[in-house]
C-alpha atoms as a PDB file:
ATOM      1  CA  MET A   1      -9.335  -4.896  -4.367  1.00  0.00           C
ATOM      2  CA  HIS A   2      -7.500  -4.961  -1.047  1.00  0.00           C
ATOM      3  CA  LEU A   3      -9.159  -3.024   1.778  1.00  0.00           C
ATOM      4  CA  ILE A   4      -8.524  -1.853   5.329  1.00  0.00           C
ATOM      5  CA  GLU A   5     -11.418  -0.015   6.939  1.00  0.00           C
ATOM      6  CA  THR A   6     -11.947   1.532  10.369  1.00  0.00           C
ATOM      7  CA  GLU A   7     -14.155   4.378  11.615  1.00  0.00           C
ATOM      8  CA  LEU A   8     -11.538   7.001  10.766  1.00  0.00           C
ATOM      9  CA  PHE A   9      -9.487   5.369   8.044  1.00  0.00           C
ATOM     10  CA  GLN A  10      -9.956   3.476   4.789  1.00  0.00           C
ATOM     11  CA  LEU A  11      -7.355   2.280   2.306  1.00  0.00           C
ATOM     12  CA  GLU A  12      -8.246   0.633  -1.004  1.00  0.00           C
ATOM     13  CA  MET A  13      -5.571  -0.821  -3.268  1.00  0.00           C
ATOM     14  CA  ASN A  14      -6.321  -2.114  -6.768  1.00  0.00           C
ATOM     15  CA  VAL A  15      -3.394  -3.782  -8.510  1.00  0.00           C
ATOM     16  CA  MET A  16      -3.291  -4.027 -12.316  1.00  0.00           C
ATOM     17  CA  LEU A  17      -0.599  -5.679 -14.425  1.00  0.00           C
ATOM     18  CA  ILE A  18      -0.168  -3.185 -17.283  1.00  0.00           C
ATOM     19  CA  ASP A  19       2.724  -4.809 -19.129  1.00  0.00           C
ATOM     20  CA  GLN A  20       2.747  -8.574 -19.638  1.00  0.00           C
ATOM     21  CA  ARG A  21       6.548  -8.556 -19.824  1.00  0.00           C
ATOM     22  CA  ILE A  22       7.308  -9.538 -16.247  1.00  0.00           C
ATOM     23  CA  SER A  23      10.852  -8.174 -16.709  1.00  0.00           C
ATOM     24  CA  ALA A  24       9.595  -4.634 -17.504  1.00  0.00           C
ATOM     25  CA  PRO A  25      10.617  -2.343 -14.605  1.00  0.00           C
ATOM     26  CA  ALA A  26       7.218  -0.654 -14.128  1.00  0.00           C
ATOM     27  CA  ASN A  27       4.864  -3.382 -15.273  1.00  0.00           C
ATOM     28  CA  THR A  28       2.169  -2.840 -12.626  1.00  0.00           C
ATOM     29  CA  MET A  29      -0.042   0.042 -11.550  1.00  0.00           C
ATOM     30  CA  VAL A  30      -1.430   0.208  -8.023  1.00  0.00           C
ATOM     31  CA  ASN A  31      -4.471   2.477  -7.762  1.00  0.00           C
ATOM     32  CA  ILE A  32      -4.867   3.771  -4.227  1.00  0.00           C
ATOM     33  CA  LYS A  33      -7.770   5.464  -2.477  1.00  0.00           C
ATOM     34  CA  VAL A  34      -7.274   6.825   1.019  1.00  0.00           C
ATOM     35  CA  PHE A  35      -9.862   8.252   3.401  1.00  0.00           C
ATOM     36  CA  SER A  36      -8.160   9.515   6.554  1.00  0.00           C
ATOM     37  CA  ASP A  37     -10.326  11.411   9.052  1.00  0.00           C
ATOM     38  CA  ASN A  38     -12.059  14.018   6.855  1.00  0.00           C
ATOM     39  CA  PHE A  39      -9.523  13.963   4.020  1.00  0.00           C
ATOM     40  CA  SER A  40      -9.345  11.745   0.954  1.00  0.00           C
ATOM     41  CA  ALA A  41      -7.242  11.218  -2.148  1.00  0.00           C
ATOM     42  CA  ASP A  42      -6.924   8.954  -5.171  1.00  0.00           C
ATOM     43  CA  GLY A  43      -3.574   8.228  -6.705  1.00  0.00           C
ATOM     44  CA  ALA A  44      -1.503   5.587  -8.410  1.00  0.00           C
ATOM     45  CA  ILE A  45       1.977   4.210  -8.212  1.00  0.00           C
ATOM     46  CA  HIS A  46       3.865   2.260 -10.857  1.00  0.00           C
ATOM     47  CA  ILE A  47       5.890  -0.675  -9.583  1.00  0.00           C
ATOM     48  CA  ASP A  48       7.506  -3.925 -10.601  1.00  0.00           C
ATOM     49  CA  TYR A  49       4.958  -6.696  -9.921  1.00  0.00           C
ATOM     50  CA  LYS A  50       7.532  -8.579  -7.822  1.00  0.00           C
ATOM     51  CA  THR A  51       7.347  -5.674  -5.369  1.00  0.00           C
ATOM     52  CA  MET A  52       3.868  -6.838  -4.344  1.00  0.00           C
ATOM     53  CA  GLY A  53       5.302 -10.147  -3.125  1.00  0.00           C
ATOM     54  CA  GLN A  54       7.990  -8.363  -1.129  1.00  0.00           C
ATOM     55  CA  PHE A  55       5.422  -5.941   0.302  1.00  0.00           C
ATOM     56  CA  SER A  56       3.059  -8.771   1.311  1.00  0.00           C
ATOM     57  CA  ARG A  57       5.913 -10.585   3.110  1.00  0.00           C
ATOM     58  CA  GLN A  58       6.825  -7.351   4.935  1.00  0.00           C
ATOM     59  CA  LEU A  59       3.186  -6.939   5.987  1.00  0.00           C
ATOM     60  CA  ARG A  60       3.081 -10.514   7.287  1.00  0.00           C
ATOM     61  CA  HIS A  61       6.279  -9.905   9.256  1.00  0.00           C
ATOM     62  CA  ILE A  62       5.031  -6.775  11.031  1.00  0.00           C
ATOM     63  CA  TYR A  63       1.719  -8.469  11.801  1.00  0.00           C
ATOM     64  CA  GLU A  64       3.310 -11.616  13.247  1.00  0.00           C
ATOM     65  CA  ALA A  65       6.413 -10.121  14.877  1.00  0.00           C
ATOM     66  CA  GLN A  66       4.618  -6.944  16.010  1.00  0.00           C
ATOM     67  CA  ARG A  67       7.619  -4.890  14.955  1.00  0.00           C
ATOM     68  CA  GLY A  68       9.133  -3.447  11.792  1.00  0.00           C
ATOM     69  CA  THR A  69       7.836  -1.604   8.750  1.00  0.00           C
ATOM     70  CA  ALA A  70       6.387  -2.418   5.343  1.00  0.00           C
ATOM     71  CA  SER A  71       6.386   0.129   2.556  1.00  0.00           C
ATOM     72  CA  ILE A  72       5.620   0.456  -1.106  1.00  0.00           C
ATOM     73  CA  SER A  73       6.564   3.355  -3.349  1.00  0.00           C
ATOM     74  CA  GLY A  74       6.420   4.074  -7.027  1.00  0.00           C
ATOM     75  CA  ILE A  75       9.197   3.800  -9.558  1.00  0.00           C
ATOM     76  CA  ARG A  76       8.031   6.788 -11.611  1.00  0.00           C
ATOM     77  CA  ASP A  77       6.073   8.581  -8.900  1.00  0.00           C
ATOM     78  CA  SER A  78       8.773   9.040  -6.321  1.00  0.00           C
ATOM     79  CA  LYS A  79       6.596  11.093  -3.941  1.00  0.00           C
ATOM     80  CA  ASN A  80       3.805   8.507  -3.716  1.00  0.00           C
ATOM     81  CA  TYR A  81       4.208   5.900  -1.005  1.00  0.00           C
ATOM     82  CA  ILE A  82       2.456   3.999   1.773  1.00  0.00           C
ATOM     83  CA  GLU A  83       4.185   2.752   4.903  1.00  0.00           C
ATOM     84  CA  PHE A  84       2.846   0.527   7.669  1.00  0.00           C
ATOM     85  CA  GLN A  85       4.661   0.325  10.989  1.00  0.00           C
ATOM     86  CA  ALA A  86       4.042  -1.820  14.049  1.00  0.00           C
ATOM     87  CA  SER A  87       4.033   0.300  17.202  1.00  0.00           C
ATOM     88  CA  THR A  88       4.959  -0.731  20.723  1.00  0.00           C
ATOM     89  CA  ASP A  89       1.340  -0.354  21.901  1.00  0.00           C
ATOM     90  CA  GLY A  90       0.210  -3.210  19.610  1.00  0.00           C
ATOM     91  CA  ARG A  91      -1.346  -0.929  17.008  1.00  0.00           C
ATOM     92  CA  ILE A  92      -0.441  -0.474  13.361  1.00  0.00           C
ATOM     93  CA  ARG A  93       0.475   2.986  12.126  1.00  0.00           C
ATOM     94  CA  VAL A  94       0.027   3.884   8.486  1.00  0.00           C
ATOM     95  CA  ARG A  95       1.264   6.961   6.684  1.00  0.00           C
ATOM     96  CA  GLY A  96       1.930   8.034   3.174  1.00  0.00           C
ATOM     97  CA  THR A  97       1.699  10.615   0.446  1.00  0.00           C
ATOM     98  CA  LEU A  98      -0.433  10.665  -2.681  1.00  0.00           C
ATOM     99  CA  VAL A  99       0.161  13.253  -5.382  1.00  0.00           C
ATOM    100  CA  ALA A 100      -2.025  13.540  -8.469  1.00  0.00           C
ATOM    101  CA  LYS A 101      -2.971  16.068 -11.085  1.00  0.00           C
ATOM    102  CA  GLY A 102      -6.607  17.007 -10.496  1.00  0.00           C
ATOM    103  CA  ASN A 103      -9.339  17.625 -13.054  1.00  0.00           C
ATOM    104  CA  SER A 104      -8.618  21.344 -12.749  1.00  0.00           C
ATOM    105  CA  GLY A 105      -5.075  20.772 -13.989  1.00  0.00           C
ATOM    106  CA  PHE A 106      -3.619  21.673 -10.598  1.00  0.00           C
ATOM    107  CA  THR A 107      -1.512  19.235  -8.630  1.00  0.00           C
ATOM    108  CA  GLN A 108      -3.050  17.949  -5.410  1.00  0.00           C
ATOM    109  CA  GLU A 109      -1.126  16.313  -2.574  1.00  0.00           C
ATOM    110  CA  LEU A 110      -2.307  14.474   0.517  1.00  0.00           C
ATOM    111  CA  ASN A 111       0.047  13.508   3.326  1.00  0.00           C
ATOM    112  CA  PHE A 112      -1.783  11.205   5.687  1.00  0.00           C
ATOM    113  CA  GLU A 113      -1.155   9.391   8.929  1.00  0.00           C
ATOM    114  CA  ASN A 114      -3.478   7.196  10.946  1.00  0.00           C
ATOM    115  CA  GLY A 115      -3.481   4.120  13.130  1.00  0.00           C
ATOM    116  CA  PHE A 116      -5.659   1.175  13.996  1.00  0.00           C
ATOM    117  CA  ASP A 117      -5.834  -1.919  16.129  1.00  0.00           C
ATOM    118  CA  ARG A 118      -3.785  -4.877  14.934  1.00  0.00           C
ATOM    119  CA  SER A 119      -6.960  -6.977  14.626  1.00  0.00           C
ATOM    120  CA  LYS A 120      -8.162  -4.696  11.801  1.00  0.00           C
ATOM    121  CA  PHE A 121      -4.958  -5.546   9.935  1.00  0.00           C
ATOM    122  CA  ALA A 122      -5.288  -9.355   9.880  1.00  0.00           C
ATOM    123  CA  ALA A 123      -7.716  -9.712   6.942  1.00  0.00           C
ATOM    124  CA  PHE A 124      -5.699  -7.241   4.831  1.00  0.00           C
ATOM    125  CA  VAL A 125      -2.445  -9.122   5.502  1.00  0.00           C
ATOM    126  CA  ASP A 126      -4.066 -12.474   4.696  1.00  0.00           C
ATOM    127  CA  ASP A 127      -5.566 -11.112   1.480  1.00  0.00           C
ATOM    128  CA  MET A 128      -2.246  -9.655   0.347  1.00  0.00           C
ATOM    129  CA  ASN A 129      -0.351 -12.869   1.131  1.00  0.00           C
ATOM    130  CA  ASN A 130      -2.929 -15.086  -0.557  1.00  0.00           C
ATOM    131  CA  THR A 131      -2.728 -12.922  -3.683  1.00  0.00           C
ATOM    132  CA  TYR A 132       0.968 -12.000  -3.893  1.00  0.00           C
ATOM    133  CA  GLY A 133       2.762 -14.471  -1.635  1.00  0.00           C
ATOM    134  CA  ILE A 134       4.898 -15.606  -4.567  1.00  0.00           C
ATOM    135  CA  ASP A 135       8.141 -17.470  -4.407  1.00  0.00           C
ATOM    136  CA  GLU A 136      10.950 -15.021  -5.233  1.00  0.00           C
ATOM    137  CA  GLU A 137      12.921 -17.835  -6.863  1.00  0.00           C
ATOM    138  CA  ALA A 138      10.237 -18.090  -9.573  1.00  0.00           C
ATOM    139  CA  PHE A 139      11.497 -14.817 -11.038  1.00  0.00           C
END
């Protein structure tokens, strides 16, 4: 599990390889839990596992360069995404959308936006890079 946690925001990401064929286009499911202010949502996105390496490199770039964006979105679930952006005040902004069918059978959607100090981002970036910092040439 990969986690960012502040007083007003929490993001949990659990990544599961669901198809051992690394060439399958949607071989990985990322389960996401977001708690933003008084709102929360659970959702999932289906991605190509190689996307996690690209995402982790983007995260490292915005942390080190203090500029740019890093985003991840689903192949099948086109509305679900998370985006991190470095802001000029040294903070990290995060926003996204999670859509899921609830237990009631109705579709639920959460659009969220929050921000936090760059120091809260360091452990998350390190964790992502240690886990997914793969060499693109290996694929």
